[in-house]
Amino acid sequence: MFESARKLTPLRQLGWGFLLAWVFCVFYTNATGEVGGETTGSPTFAESLFYAAFPLAASVITLVAIVIAEPRIGAPTDHRPLVIAAPVLTAASTPLMFTTVADPVAHATLFAIGSIATGVGSALLWVMWGEYYAVVPREESEMLAPASAVSAALVVLLVSAMDGWVAVAVATALPLLSGLCFRLVWTPEARRVERALAKHGRTGHDATHRPLAGLGRTGFGILTVFAIVSIAGMGQTHWLEGAPLQAILLFSTLMMAVVALMAVSGPRRMSLFFLYRWMCPTLVIGFAAVILFGSGGGIATVAASLGGRFTFCLIAQIYFANYAAAGRATPAQASSLGWLFVHAGDLLGVVAWISLEPWVSNDPAAILWVSTLCIVALVVVTMMVMGETSAFLRVPERDAIEAVTSGKTGAIVGTDSEAGTDAVRTGANARCSNDTPLYPDGTDRRSEVVATEPAPNPANESAIEANLEARIAVLAAEHRLTPRETEVFALLSQGRSIPYIRDELIISRETAATHAKHIYAKLGVHSRQELIDLVQR
């Protein structure tokens, strides 16, 4: 990350931040005013549900449609009209979300049109930026996501200082800026790498054409946590304006910066597990403040909600990209499914809060019950997700296959912990953004690499997979390795480090080191290189 930070990052690569800022300006804060405009009298339950949930429902339906249609018609980036229409549709319909009309039917109609248009347009933009993050090198994405998220928080902070239609006008321009940035970064090289990843996701060893099943409990965890985040953010909406909102945004910026720095500065890599260790305790503290101080603790809950949203978005964006790069789904499917869980969780939380609001308004103790139940749900889902490894652990032979595939295209492949997923993503060391090439001598030979790219040979890949899997299984049985030791052995044979194994298997560093020590003793080797040689012999 630090080496990448030394390079001048073109502003166009931060275009995802404009989309993130738009979402927070329009839906997650009152920076641009209240969505739906002013309604006459107290809204009924149906009206509250309509104005709060309809935009989210439109996004969820669009994302479901992309997941279903992508295998047949391709990704959104395969259709140039969609790339142009998505930001234009989102921007053009944003003012409709804030327009007030005296006639209730006309008012609701305008809002419905704006909700559908923004839901469709923004969902397409989410997926397209997810595809871009899947094709850039992992180190680069881990630098771009925090930079974009922090930039988004600063943009929301700027918009929150504006009033009325000036704020709406600025928010309207954000999707256009995001779309323009995407057009600039989506180069032919990026498109080619995305197609290679898509093919890899459909034909790879662990590609099942059912990527939803591959997410396992992870998707459930995302949905539940975002539902709780939504409840926390809606409980004290009066904090989401003026000076309190600006203070909360500054807190969110600091939280994102700290989490991102700790996640990428050492041997740990960004993962949802790392996020849960930060986000869930922060939310628990927020709800505990309400239990201890009543409504006075509401600002802590809202701060935890908004900071958690920003931080979750930046790390989730990287995780969805890594999920695709590991061959578990195509980039479009991985991004669609990931943001589908996020938006569905938001929708669930909105419906839950609107249903509970009459009880909370009439019974002072109700908010204590809601906060307590949310804390219990956070603890339960954290325990469930922290024990889930299938969605994060790569198939033992996956990295070797990707390394061989990348070797055919001229990529520089070693045994370091990044060789697996980055080998395909970098598209033979092309950064896919017309920026500084990754070759050590500073030259740009991407065209040479692309020109020499041969047709993939699934038969060879399958043979390599079978041989590696069989070799690891034979050695594990021959030397009486336990199931957990076999998992560690498979990762060690790929050149993985102890910190990497710790995060992949969700165990402590000491446990990983102990397993490695036992494996070395059982196999009669004294170093990782000897172990690798034994597997390859």
Protein backbone atom coordinates (compact mmCIF):
# COMPACT_ATOMS: atom_id res chain seq x y z
CA MET A 1 0.00 0.00 0.00
CA PHE A 2 2.72 2.46 0.97
CA GLU A 3 4.55 1.91 -2.32
CA SER A 4 1.33 2.47 -4.25
CA ALA A 5 0.60 5.59 -2.22
CA ARG A 6 3.84 7.13 -3.42
CA LYS A 7 2.51 7.14 -6.94
CA LEU A 8 0.15 9.88 -8.03
CA THR A 9 -3.29 8.31 -8.13
CA PRO A 10 -5.33 9.80 -10.99
CA LEU A 11 -8.57 11.26 -9.72
CA ARG A 12 -10.51 9.17 -12.22
CA GLN A 13 -9.67 6.07 -10.20
CA LEU A 14 -11.50 7.55 -7.21
CA GLY A 15 -14.79 7.64 -9.14
CA TRP A 16 -16.35 5.02 -6.89
CA GLY A 17 -16.11 7.61 -4.10
CA PHE A 18 -18.52 9.91 -6.00
CA LEU A 19 -21.09 7.11 -6.14
CA LEU A 20 -20.59 6.39 -2.43
CA ALA A 21 -20.98 10.10 -1.62
CA TRP A 22 -24.21 10.24 -3.63
CA VAL A 23 -25.71 7.36 -1.68
CA PHE A 24 -24.83 8.91 1.66
CA CYS A 25 -26.04 12.39 0.62
CA VAL A 26 -29.38 11.14 -0.67
CA PHE A 27 -30.29 8.15 1.52
CA TYR A 28 -28.07 7.66 4.57
CA THR A 29 -27.98 11.27 5.84
CA ASN A 30 -30.07 14.42 5.56
CA ALA A 31 -27.21 16.27 3.87
CA THR A 32 -29.43 17.14 0.88
CA GLY A 33 -32.71 17.25 2.79
CA GLU A 34 -35.38 14.68 3.50
CA VAL A 35 -36.05 12.13 0.77
CA GLY A 36 -39.66 12.33 -0.37
CA GLY A 37 -40.02 16.00 0.42
CA GLU A 38 -42.62 17.30 2.83
CA THR A 39 -45.94 15.51 3.16
CA THR A 40 -49.09 16.96 4.62
CA GLY A 41 -49.91 15.77 8.12
CA SER A 42 -48.52 12.75 9.89
CA PRO A 43 -47.61 9.97 7.43
CA THR A 44 -49.41 6.66 7.79
CA PHE A 45 -47.56 3.38 8.14
CA ALA A 46 -48.00 2.68 4.42
CA GLU A 47 -46.68 6.13 3.46
CA SER A 48 -43.65 5.83 5.73
CA LEU A 49 -42.89 2.40 4.32
CA PHE A 50 -43.30 3.63 0.76
CA TYR A 51 -41.00 6.65 1.04
CA ALA A 52 -38.34 4.84 3.07
CA ALA A 53 -38.31 1.40 1.45
CA PHE A 54 -39.27 1.89 -2.20
CA PRO A 55 -35.84 3.17 -3.41
CA LEU A 56 -34.10 0.27 -1.68
CA ALA A 57 -36.56 -2.22 -3.14
CA ALA A 58 -35.83 -0.87 -6.64
CA SER A 59 -32.09 -1.42 -6.11
CA VAL A 60 -32.62 -4.92 -4.74
CA ILE A 61 -34.80 -5.94 -7.68
CA THR A 62 -32.27 -4.53 -10.16
CA LEU A 63 -29.39 -6.42 -8.54
CA VAL A 64 -31.41 -9.66 -8.57
CA ALA A 65 -32.10 -9.10 -12.27
CA ILE A 66 -28.38 -8.59 -12.98
CA VAL A 67 -27.48 -11.82 -11.17
CA ILE A 68 -30.06 -13.77 -13.16
CA ALA A 69 -29.39 -12.17 -16.54
CA GLU A 70 -25.57 -11.93 -16.44
CA PRO A 71 -24.87 -15.55 -17.46
CA ARG A 72 -27.07 -15.08 -20.54
CA ILE A 73 -26.48 -11.52 -21.70
CA GLY A 74 -23.15 -10.67 -20.07
CA ALA A 75 -22.04 -8.05 -17.57
CA PRO A 76 -23.29 -4.44 -17.60
CA THR A 77 -19.91 -3.31 -18.94
CA ASP A 78 -20.47 -5.48 -22.03
CA HIS A 79 -23.22 -3.10 -23.09
CA ARG A 80 -22.00 0.38 -23.91
CA PRO A 81 -25.50 1.98 -23.68
CA LEU A 82 -25.75 0.83 -20.05
CA VAL A 83 -22.39 2.36 -19.19
CA ILE A 84 -23.68 5.69 -20.51
CA ALA A 85 -27.27 5.41 -19.29
CA ALA A 86 -26.60 4.38 -15.68
CA PRO A 87 -25.05 7.65 -14.42
CA VAL A 88 -27.35 9.80 -16.55
CA LEU A 89 -30.47 8.00 -15.30
CA THR A 90 -29.31 8.25 -11.67
CA ALA A 91 -28.48 11.95 -11.92
CA ALA A 92 -31.60 12.95 -13.87
CA SER A 93 -33.93 11.25 -11.39
CA THR A 94 -32.24 12.46 -8.18
CA PRO A 95 -34.17 15.79 -8.00
CA LEU A 96 -37.44 13.84 -8.20
CA MET A 97 -36.61 12.34 -4.80
CA PHE A 98 -36.84 15.79 -3.20
CA THR A 99 -39.64 17.39 -5.22
CA THR A 100 -42.73 18.41 -3.28
CA VAL A 101 -46.11 18.58 -5.02
CA ALA A 102 -49.40 19.57 -3.38
CA ASP A 103 -51.34 16.69 -4.94
CA PRO A 104 -50.51 13.54 -2.88
CA VAL A 105 -50.97 11.23 -5.87
CA ALA A 106 -48.70 13.33 -8.12
CA HIS A 107 -46.19 13.62 -5.28
CA ALA A 108 -46.08 9.85 -4.81
CA THR A 109 -45.90 9.28 -8.56
CA LEU A 110 -42.88 11.56 -8.99
CA PHE A 111 -41.18 9.89 -6.05
CA ALA A 112 -41.89 6.41 -7.45
CA ILE A 113 -40.41 7.37 -10.83
CA GLY A 114 -37.34 8.82 -9.12
CA SER A 115 -36.96 5.74 -6.90
CA ILE A 116 -37.12 3.28 -9.79
CA ALA A 117 -34.74 5.30 -11.95
CA THR A 118 -32.18 5.89 -9.19
CA GLY A 119 -32.48 2.27 -8.05
CA VAL A 120 -31.76 0.91 -11.52
CA GLY A 121 -29.03 3.43 -12.37
CA SER A 122 -27.17 3.24 -9.07
CA ALA A 123 -27.31 -0.59 -8.99
CA LEU A 124 -25.68 -0.69 -12.43
CA LEU A 125 -22.99 1.73 -11.25
CA TRP A 126 -22.30 -0.38 -8.15
CA VAL A 127 -21.79 -3.45 -10.30
CA MET A 128 -19.63 -1.68 -12.88
CA TRP A 129 -17.29 -0.29 -10.25
CA GLY A 130 -17.19 -3.75 -8.67
CA GLU A 131 -15.99 -5.12 -12.00
CA TYR A 132 -13.24 -2.50 -12.12
CA TYR A 133 -12.03 -3.31 -8.62
CA ALA A 134 -11.88 -6.98 -9.60
CA VAL A 135 -9.44 -6.33 -12.47
CA VAL A 136 -6.97 -4.01 -10.75
CA PRO A 137 -4.17 -5.55 -8.65
CA ARG A 138 -5.08 -6.25 -5.06
CA GLU A 139 -2.57 -3.77 -3.64
CA GLU A 140 -4.03 -1.07 -5.83
CA SER A 141 -7.61 -1.83 -4.85
CA GLU A 142 -6.63 -1.78 -1.18
CA MET A 143 -5.31 1.72 -1.68
CA LEU A 144 -8.13 2.99 -3.92
CA ALA A 145 -11.06 1.82 -1.75
CA PRO A 146 -10.02 3.68 1.43
CA ALA A 147 -9.01 6.75 -0.57
CA SER A 148 -12.37 6.76 -2.36
CA ALA A 149 -14.34 6.20 0.85
CA VAL A 150 -12.53 8.97 2.73
CA SER A 151 -13.08 11.27 -0.26
CA ALA A 152 -16.77 10.37 -0.20
CA ALA A 153 -17.03 11.32 3.49
CA LEU A 154 -15.41 14.68 2.79
CA VAL A 155 -17.82 15.31 -0.12
CA VAL A 156 -20.80 14.52 2.13
CA LEU A 157 -19.34 16.87 4.73
CA LEU A 158 -19.16 19.60 2.08
CA VAL A 159 -22.74 19.02 0.90
CA SER A 160 -24.01 19.05 4.50
CA ALA A 161 -22.89 22.68 4.75
CA MET A 162 -25.16 23.63 1.82
CA ASP A 163 -28.87 24.36 1.90
CA GLY A 164 -31.89 23.49 -0.22
CA TRP A 165 -31.59 22.94 -3.94
CA VAL A 166 -27.91 23.89 -3.97
CA ALA A 167 -27.18 20.70 -2.02
CA VAL A 168 -29.51 18.72 -4.29
CA ALA A 169 -27.76 20.11 -7.38
CA VAL A 170 -24.35 19.04 -6.07
CA ALA A 171 -25.68 15.58 -5.19
CA THR A 172 -27.17 15.33 -8.68
CA ALA A 173 -23.76 15.92 -10.24
CA LEU A 174 -22.10 13.11 -8.27
CA PRO A 175 -23.39 10.16 -10.37
CA LEU A 176 -22.33 11.98 -13.53
CA LEU A 177 -18.82 12.43 -12.14
CA SER A 178 -18.75 8.77 -11.13
CA GLY A 179 -19.88 7.68 -14.60
CA LEU A 180 -17.30 9.92 -16.30
CA CYS A 181 -14.52 8.50 -14.13
CA PHE A 182 -15.62 4.98 -14.97
CA ARG A 183 -15.56 5.70 -18.70
CA LEU A 184 -11.98 6.92 -18.32
CA VAL A 185 -10.72 3.91 -16.32
CA TRP A 186 -12.57 1.19 -18.23
CA THR A 187 -9.87 0.69 -20.84
CA PRO A 188 -9.64 -2.15 -23.40
CA GLU A 189 -7.09 -3.81 -21.12
CA ALA A 190 -9.53 -3.70 -18.19
CA ARG A 191 -12.29 -5.13 -20.35
CA ARG A 192 -10.04 -7.97 -21.51
CA VAL A 193 -9.01 -8.89 -17.98
CA GLU A 194 -12.65 -8.78 -16.86
CA ARG A 195 -13.61 -11.19 -19.63
CA ALA A 196 -10.79 -13.52 -18.61
CA LEU A 197 -11.96 -13.41 -14.99
CA ALA A 198 -15.56 -13.98 -16.07
CA LYS A 199 -14.55 -17.06 -18.06
CA HIS A 200 -12.44 -18.21 -15.13
CA GLY A 201 -15.41 -17.75 -12.79
CA ARG A 202 -17.66 -19.84 -15.03
CA THR A 203 -15.23 -22.65 -15.87
CA GLY A 204 -12.91 -22.80 -12.85
CA HIS A 205 -12.68 -25.80 -10.56
CA ASP A 206 -14.86 -24.27 -7.85
CA ALA A 207 -17.23 -22.41 -10.17
CA THR A 208 -20.66 -23.92 -9.56
CA HIS A 209 -22.82 -21.42 -11.48
CA ARG A 210 -24.39 -20.89 -8.07
CA PRO A 211 -22.28 -18.09 -6.55
CA LEU A 212 -25.01 -17.35 -4.02
CA ALA A 213 -24.38 -20.73 -2.40
CA GLY A 214 -20.66 -20.01 -2.27
CA LEU A 215 -21.12 -17.02 0.00
CA GLY A 216 -22.56 -19.28 2.69
CA ARG A 217 -23.08 -17.67 6.07
CA THR A 218 -21.07 -14.68 4.94
CA GLY A 219 -23.99 -13.29 2.94
CA PHE A 220 -26.32 -13.85 5.88
CA GLY A 221 -23.87 -12.00 8.09
CA ILE A 222 -23.73 -9.02 5.73
CA LEU A 223 -27.54 -8.88 5.52
CA THR A 224 -28.03 -9.07 9.29
CA VAL A 225 -25.34 -6.55 10.18
CA PHE A 226 -26.62 -4.04 7.65
CA ALA A 227 -30.16 -4.48 8.96
CA ILE A 228 -28.90 -3.60 12.44
CA VAL A 229 -26.86 -0.71 11.04
CA SER A 230 -30.03 0.58 9.38
CA ILE A 231 -31.99 0.37 12.63
CA ALA A 232 -29.21 2.23 14.46
CA GLY A 233 -29.17 4.99 11.85
CA MET A 234 -32.95 5.51 11.78
CA GLY A 235 -33.46 5.59 15.52
CA GLN A 236 -32.27 9.18 16.02
CA THR A 237 -32.57 10.87 12.63
CA HIS A 238 -32.43 14.39 14.13
CA TRP A 239 -28.70 13.87 14.65
CA LEU A 240 -28.18 13.54 10.88
CA GLU A 241 -28.15 17.24 10.13
CA GLY A 242 -26.16 20.37 10.95
CA ALA A 243 -23.19 20.32 13.32
CA PRO A 244 -23.93 16.85 14.79
CA LEU A 245 -23.89 15.34 11.30
CA GLN A 246 -20.58 17.02 10.50
CA ALA A 247 -19.07 15.71 13.74
CA ILE A 248 -20.29 12.22 12.92
CA LEU A 249 -18.81 12.45 9.40
CA LEU A 250 -15.44 13.44 10.83
CA PHE A 251 -15.66 10.43 13.16
CA SER A 252 -16.52 8.20 10.19
CA THR A 253 -13.54 9.50 8.24
CA LEU A 254 -11.20 8.81 11.14
CA MET A 255 -12.67 5.34 11.68
CA MET A 256 -12.23 4.42 8.01
CA ALA A 257 -8.68 5.70 7.93
CA VAL A 258 -7.66 3.78 11.06
CA VAL A 259 -9.30 0.50 10.02
CA ALA A 260 -7.91 0.67 6.48
CA LEU A 261 -4.41 1.55 7.68
CA MET A 262 -4.33 -1.31 10.17
CA ALA A 263 -5.76 -3.74 7.62
CA VAL A 264 -3.20 -3.13 4.88
CA SER A 265 -0.08 -1.85 6.61
CA GLY A 266 0.99 -5.22 8.03
CA PRO A 267 0.78 -8.86 7.03
CA ARG A 268 -2.99 -8.87 7.54
CA ARG A 269 -5.01 -8.29 4.42
CA MET A 270 -8.43 -6.69 4.23
CA SER A 271 -11.19 -9.15 5.04
CA LEU A 272 -14.71 -9.07 6.38
CA PHE A 273 -13.48 -10.85 9.50
CA PHE A 274 -11.17 -7.96 10.25
CA LEU A 275 -14.10 -5.59 9.77
CA TYR A 276 -16.38 -7.50 12.13
CA ARG A 277 -13.75 -7.15 14.86
CA TRP A 278 -14.09 -3.39 14.52
CA MET A 279 -17.64 -2.80 13.40
CA CYS A 280 -19.60 -5.02 15.76
CA PRO A 281 -17.97 -3.71 18.97
CA THR A 282 -18.50 -0.14 17.70
CA LEU A 283 -22.21 -0.83 17.14
CA VAL A 284 -22.50 -2.53 20.53
CA ILE A 285 -21.01 0.57 22.19
CA GLY A 286 -23.52 2.73 20.31
CA PHE A 287 -26.50 0.69 21.46
CA ALA A 288 -25.06 0.48 24.99
CA ALA A 289 -24.97 4.30 25.07
CA VAL A 290 -28.73 4.35 24.42
CA ILE A 291 -29.30 1.79 27.18
CA LEU A 292 -27.22 3.81 29.65
CA PHE A 293 -28.15 7.37 28.70
CA GLY A 294 -31.47 7.05 26.87
CA SER A 295 -32.05 9.46 23.99
CA GLY A 296 -28.91 11.35 25.00
CA GLY A 297 -26.87 8.39 23.80
CA GLY A 298 -28.52 8.52 20.37
CA ILE A 299 -25.65 10.40 18.79
CA ALA A 300 -23.30 7.53 19.67
CA THR A 301 -25.62 5.04 17.95
CA VAL A 302 -25.90 7.18 14.83
CA ALA A 303 -22.13 7.72 14.76
CA ALA A 304 -21.57 3.98 15.02
CA SER A 305 -24.09 3.40 12.24
CA LEU A 306 -22.65 5.96 9.82
CA GLY A 307 -19.03 5.08 10.56
CA GLY A 308 -19.87 1.40 10.22
CA ARG A 309 -21.58 1.97 6.87
CA PHE A 310 -18.60 3.78 5.38
CA THR A 311 -16.09 1.28 6.70
CA PHE A 312 -18.18 -1.71 5.69
CA CYS A 313 -18.60 -0.36 2.15
CA LEU A 314 -14.88 0.16 1.58
CA ILE A 315 -13.85 -3.27 2.84
CA ALA A 316 -16.82 -5.05 1.24
CA GLN A 317 -15.88 -3.53 -2.13
CA ILE A 318 -12.44 -5.14 -1.87
CA TYR A 319 -13.82 -8.45 -0.61
CA PHE A 320 -16.30 -8.76 -3.47
CA ALA A 321 -13.46 -8.07 -5.92
CA ASN A 322 -11.24 -10.71 -4.29
CA TYR A 323 -14.14 -13.17 -4.33
CA ALA A 324 -14.34 -12.78 -8.11
CA ALA A 325 -10.58 -12.87 -8.57
CA ALA A 326 -10.44 -16.19 -6.70
CA GLY A 327 -12.65 -17.72 -9.39
CA ARG A 328 -15.73 -18.17 -7.21
CA ALA A 329 -17.96 -15.99 -9.39
CA THR A 330 -17.71 -13.63 -12.31
CA PRO A 331 -16.89 -10.01 -11.36
CA ALA A 332 -20.43 -8.89 -12.17
CA GLN A 333 -22.00 -11.72 -10.15
CA ALA A 334 -19.72 -11.19 -7.15
CA SER A 335 -20.42 -7.46 -7.04
CA SER A 336 -24.17 -7.89 -7.68
CA LEU A 337 -24.57 -10.50 -4.98
CA GLY A 338 -22.45 -8.60 -2.47
CA TRP A 339 -24.33 -5.32 -2.84
CA LEU A 340 -27.59 -7.25 -3.01
CA PHE A 341 -26.98 -8.47 0.55
CA VAL A 342 -26.07 -4.93 1.63
CA HIS A 343 -29.18 -3.32 0.11
CA ALA A 344 -31.45 -6.17 1.24
CA GLY A 345 -30.12 -5.75 4.78
CA ASP A 346 -30.85 -2.04 4.58
CA LEU A 347 -34.36 -2.78 3.35
CA LEU A 348 -34.94 -5.28 6.15
CA GLY A 349 -33.75 -2.77 8.75
CA VAL A 350 -35.97 -0.01 7.36
CA VAL A 351 -39.06 -2.24 7.43
CA ALA A 352 -38.21 -3.43 10.95
CA TRP A 353 -37.76 0.09 12.31
CA ILE A 354 -40.92 1.49 10.70
CA SER A 355 -42.83 -1.46 12.17
CA LEU A 356 -41.35 -0.88 15.63
CA GLU A 357 -41.51 2.93 15.63
CA PRO A 358 -45.09 3.20 17.05
CA TRP A 359 -44.06 0.97 19.96
CA VAL A 360 -40.85 2.93 20.52
CA SER A 361 -42.75 6.24 20.46
CA ASN A 362 -45.34 5.13 23.02
CA ASP A 363 -43.20 3.12 25.43
CA PRO A 364 -39.99 4.68 26.87
CA ALA A 365 -38.64 1.22 27.63
CA ALA A 366 -39.09 0.04 24.04
CA ILE A 367 -35.82 1.58 22.82
CA LEU A 368 -33.99 -0.35 25.55
CA TRP A 369 -35.52 -3.58 24.32
CA VAL A 370 -34.64 -2.78 20.70
CA SER A 371 -31.05 -1.90 21.63
CA THR A 372 -30.67 -5.05 23.71
CA LEU A 373 -32.03 -7.29 20.94
CA CYS A 374 -29.71 -5.64 18.42
CA ILE A 375 -26.70 -6.29 20.67
CA VAL A 376 -27.71 -9.95 21.03
CA ALA A 377 -28.15 -10.26 17.24
CA LEU A 378 -24.72 -8.69 16.65
CA VAL A 379 -23.04 -11.12 19.04
CA VAL A 380 -24.79 -14.13 17.49
CA VAL A 381 -24.07 -13.18 13.88
CA THR A 382 -20.45 -12.37 14.70
CA MET A 383 -19.99 -15.80 16.27
CA MET A 384 -21.58 -17.44 13.22
CA VAL A 385 -19.61 -15.52 10.63
CA MET A 386 -16.28 -15.71 12.44
CA GLY A 387 -16.60 -19.48 12.28
CA GLU A 388 -17.30 -19.55 8.55
CA THR A 389 -14.27 -20.34 6.39
CA SER A 390 -15.72 -21.69 3.15
CA ALA A 391 -16.33 -18.29 1.61
CA PHE A 392 -12.87 -17.01 2.47
CA LEU A 393 -10.58 -20.03 2.22
CA ARG A 394 -9.31 -20.65 -1.28
CA VAL A 395 -9.42 -24.15 -2.66
CA PRO A 396 -5.89 -25.52 -1.96
CA GLU A 397 -4.91 -25.88 -5.59
CA ARG A 398 -6.56 -22.65 -6.83
CA ASP A 399 -3.51 -20.42 -6.51
CA ALA A 400 -1.26 -22.86 -8.35
CA ILE A 401 -3.72 -23.07 -11.23
CA GLU A 402 -3.99 -19.30 -11.47
CA ALA A 403 -0.22 -18.99 -11.32
CA VAL A 404 0.20 -21.41 -14.22
CA THR A 405 -2.53 -19.66 -16.22
CA SER A 406 -0.87 -16.30 -15.61
CA GLY A 407 2.52 -17.70 -16.46
CA LYS A 408 1.21 -18.45 -19.94
CA THR A 409 0.31 -14.80 -20.38
CA GLY A 410 3.67 -13.50 -19.30
CA ALA A 411 2.81 -12.56 -15.73
CA ILE A 412 5.57 -12.56 -13.14
CA VAL A 413 4.56 -15.36 -10.76
CA GLY A 414 6.26 -16.26 -7.51
CA THR A 415 5.34 -18.09 -4.35
CA ASP A 416 4.35 -15.04 -2.34
CA SER A 417 0.92 -14.72 -0.78
CA GLU A 418 -0.40 -12.45 -3.52
CA ALA A 419 0.50 -14.64 -6.50
CA GLY A 420 -2.80 -16.50 -6.55
CA THR A 421 -5.58 -14.00 -7.05
CA ASP A 422 -3.44 -11.19 -8.40
CA ALA A 423 -2.05 -13.35 -11.21
CA VAL A 424 -5.32 -13.31 -13.13
CA ARG A 425 -6.46 -9.89 -11.94
CA THR A 426 -3.46 -8.00 -13.14
CA GLY A 427 -3.92 -9.29 -16.67
CA ALA A 428 -0.26 -10.09 -17.15
CA ASN A 429 0.93 -7.13 -15.10
CA ALA A 430 -1.35 -4.60 -16.82
CA ARG A 431 -2.83 -2.10 -14.40
CA CYS A 432 -5.87 -1.59 -16.61
CA SER A 433 -5.92 2.13 -16.04
CA ASN A 434 -3.42 3.64 -18.51
CA ASP A 435 -1.15 4.47 -15.58
CA THR A 436 2.40 3.56 -14.64
CA PRO A 437 3.07 -0.05 -15.74
CA LEU A 438 4.16 -2.63 -13.21
CA TYR A 439 7.32 -3.79 -14.95
CA PRO A 440 10.46 -3.22 -12.87
CA ASP A 441 12.24 -1.43 -15.73
CA GLY A 442 9.38 1.06 -16.08
CA THR A 443 8.45 0.07 -19.62
CA ASP A 444 4.93 -0.60 -20.81
CA ARG A 445 4.80 -3.97 -22.56
CA ARG A 446 1.10 -4.66 -22.00
CA SER A 447 0.40 -4.82 -25.72
CA GLU A 448 3.08 -7.46 -26.14
CA VAL A 449 1.54 -9.55 -23.39
CA VAL A 450 -1.97 -9.25 -24.78
CA ALA A 451 -0.76 -10.18 -28.24
CA THR A 452 0.85 -13.37 -26.96
CA GLU A 453 -2.09 -14.52 -24.88
CA PRO A 454 -2.95 -18.08 -25.93
CA ALA A 455 -6.31 -19.74 -25.77
CA PRO A 456 -7.02 -21.34 -22.37
CA ASN A 457 -6.72 -25.10 -22.08
CA PRO A 458 -9.27 -26.38 -19.53
CA ALA A 459 -7.95 -29.93 -19.87
CA ASN A 460 -4.46 -28.93 -18.71
CA GLU A 461 -5.87 -26.89 -15.85
CA SER A 462 -8.03 -29.79 -14.71
CA ALA A 463 -5.03 -32.12 -14.81
CA ILE A 464 -2.96 -29.71 -12.73
CA GLU A 465 -5.77 -29.36 -10.22
CA ALA A 466 -6.22 -33.10 -9.91
CA ASN A 467 -2.49 -33.76 -9.53
CA LEU A 468 -1.96 -31.13 -6.85
CA GLU A 469 -5.05 -32.16 -4.93
CA ALA A 470 -4.09 -35.81 -5.10
CA ARG A 471 -0.47 -35.12 -4.10
CA ILE A 472 -1.52 -33.11 -1.04
CA ALA A 473 -4.06 -35.79 -0.04
CA VAL A 474 -1.51 -38.60 -0.41
CA LEU A 475 1.16 -36.82 1.63
CA ALA A 476 -1.37 -35.87 4.31
CA ALA A 477 -2.56 -39.47 4.64
CA GLU A 478 0.96 -40.91 4.48
CA HIS A 479 2.21 -38.70 7.30
CA ARG A 480 -0.99 -38.87 9.36
CA LEU A 481 -1.86 -35.19 9.26
CA THR A 482 -5.04 -34.09 11.00
CA PRO A 483 -7.77 -32.35 8.94
CA ARG A 484 -6.68 -28.94 10.23
CA GLU A 485 -3.02 -29.74 9.63
CA THR A 486 -3.97 -30.74 6.07
CA GLU A 487 -5.51 -27.32 5.51
CA VAL A 488 -2.39 -25.60 6.85
CA PHE A 489 -0.21 -27.95 4.77
CA ALA A 490 -2.11 -27.01 1.59
CA LEU A 491 -1.50 -23.32 2.24
CA LEU A 492 2.14 -23.81 3.21
CA SER A 493 2.71 -25.73 -0.03
CA GLN A 494 1.63 -22.57 -1.89
CA GLY A 495 4.24 -20.49 -0.07
CA ARG A 496 1.74 -18.88 2.29
CA SER A 497 3.04 -17.10 5.37
CA ILE A 498 1.91 -17.76 8.94
CA PRO A 499 0.03 -14.41 9.16
CA TYR A 500 -1.73 -15.25 5.90
CA ILE A 501 -2.71 -18.71 7.19
CA ARG A 502 -3.91 -17.14 10.42
CA ASP A 503 -6.37 -14.92 8.55
CA GLU A 504 -7.44 -17.53 5.99
CA LEU A 505 -8.28 -20.22 8.56
CA ILE A 506 -9.48 -17.79 11.23
CA ILE A 507 -7.09 -19.08 13.89
CA SER A 508 -4.53 -17.38 16.09
CA ARG A 509 -0.96 -16.84 14.94
CA GLU A 510 0.30 -19.17 17.67
CA THR A 511 -2.06 -21.94 16.55
CA ALA A 512 -0.99 -21.57 12.93
CA ALA A 513 2.70 -21.65 13.93
CA THR A 514 2.12 -24.75 16.07
CA HIS A 515 0.40 -26.57 13.20
CA ALA A 516 3.26 -25.63 10.88
CA LYS A 517 5.80 -26.93 13.40
CA HIS A 518 3.97 -30.27 13.69
CA ILE A 519 3.70 -30.54 9.89
CA TYR A 520 7.41 -29.91 9.41
CA ALA A 521 8.19 -32.58 12.02
CA LYS A 522 5.82 -35.16 10.51
CA LEU A 523 7.05 -34.56 6.95
CA GLY A 524 10.71 -34.42 7.96
CA VAL A 525 11.36 -30.98 6.42
CA HIS A 526 12.99 -27.93 7.96
CA SER A 527 11.71 -25.02 5.87
CA ARG A 528 8.79 -23.95 3.72
CA GLN A 529 10.90 -24.32 0.59
CA GLU A 530 11.70 -27.93 1.46
CA LEU A 531 8.00 -28.53 1.98
CA ILE A 532 7.18 -26.99 -1.41
CA ASP A 533 9.87 -29.10 -3.07
CA LEU A 534 8.40 -32.19 -1.45
CA VAL A 535 4.95 -31.43 -2.86
CA GLN A 536 6.29 -30.66 -6.34
CA ARG A 537 8.65 -33.63 -6.45
